[in-house]
Amino acid sequence: MQKIEEIVSKLGGIVHIGQLESKALGQRIIRAEKRGSLVRLRKGVYALPETLASTMIDVESIIPGGVVCLYSALRYHRLSTQVPSATCVAIAANRKIQLPDFPVINLYYWKPEFLKIGVKSVETDGKVMLITDLERTVCDVIRYRNKMGLDVCGEVLNNYLARPERNIGLLNTYARQLRIHKTLTQYMETRL
């Protein structure tokens, strides 16, 4: 009989009990969690510990519809040297979600209309996730500049402006939609 950990590994390291062919496998998963060879992420979703140790977690399995943002998006876009201590995920402001103990996730509650601005779907480490695009990530750093720190804000702007693929027009469009255009303009003027 194949070990349940091997089955979960073949399924990508994260499994929904509904994916399994029999209830007996579901019981084996629960026993594996008690042994510590699987980690419960949320009801019916389990993962191998080594899967969770990878650089990018499967956000869609843990928080369906969640958008990777801020520090995690900065790391993905290589805009900062900051190493996030948790995965940053944005969800709708009126949504309630129960987070697992591991991996560490910081939730940001955004207005539903803000969750649609500058969000794209990407595949990384074999996982598909929603993430803020390059320009939206820069806008979010400006928006959260007092929480993230002005040094991070300056580093991100300098790195963004050095990128040949930057799109200043799109950056300004997002800034207007997010109501930070005046602040962005002030920061950009000091950099150009």
Foldseek 3Di string as FASTA:
>chain_A
DDQLCVVCVVVPFKDFQVVDDDVVSVVSVVVCVVVVQWFDFDVRMIGGPVQLVDPDHQCCVNPNLWAFAAPSLCVVVVLDPDDDQATETEDAQVDDHDGGPPPHYDYDHDHPVLSPQQWDWDADPNHIHIYHDLLVRLLVCLVCCVVVDVVSNLSNVVSLVPDPPHDVVSSLVSCVVVVNNVSVVVSVVVVD
